[in-house]
Amino acid sequence: MALKKRQVFFLSLNIAFIAAVIAFAVYSWVSKPVSIMLHGSRSATESSTLLYSVNLTPVNQSDSFVSFNRPEGLTLRNTSLSSANSVAGFYYTARDIYSWTLAIDIASAPGGQIDETSAYQYRVANPSQYIEQSDIIKGQSIIIFTDNTFGGFDKVAFMSSGSLVATISLIGDDSSGISPLSQTFNMVLTSWHWL
């Protein structure tokens, strides 16, 4: 009888030891950092949540109306026209905490005035949501609206040349704060060149 108790005791001890080793191995595997890549950009590390990194290397984009730089990490999704007055459009996205969306629309406005666009009129009509500021970049007058109800980055810039009005919108959030989005917005605006 004592021999049986001893065998049961050692068997139980072995089972407990094997279970502890398996539990430790599973825990080590689950909590191990993993490196990921997004659009060929820098690698980011994940622990319990995914972290992404959008490659901010400038890449030139142009058509017959405009030339500008945008980050390499943004993927062109669409170039369709957004309205009957649109003459060119660019729609880029990237994945981070919240997807980045850079939308650019170039429209024909008979008087070439920014205030002729419905997007501008909507923001002016809602001052409790949109903060307006004016800026001049490389001699170009720009009106920028910031949505103060969004927790991430949400800005829209308006500028004109002749009978054309450009609407440049960037919205998103980033795992490292809004700085990469701000850099992207500034990259587009400071490189903007009407053709």
Foldseek 3Di string as FASTA:
>chain_A
DVVVVVVVVVVVVVVVVVVVVVVVVVVCVLQDWDWDAALNADIDIDGPDDAYDAAQPWDWDDDQWKIFTFGSSWDWDDWDADDPFFPTKTWTWHDGVWIKIKIKTKGFAPQQDQVSDPVVVVCVVCVVQWDWDWDAAPNWIKIKIFGPVDPAGWMWIWTTDGRMIMIIIIDDAHPVGRVSVVVRVCRGVNGMDTD
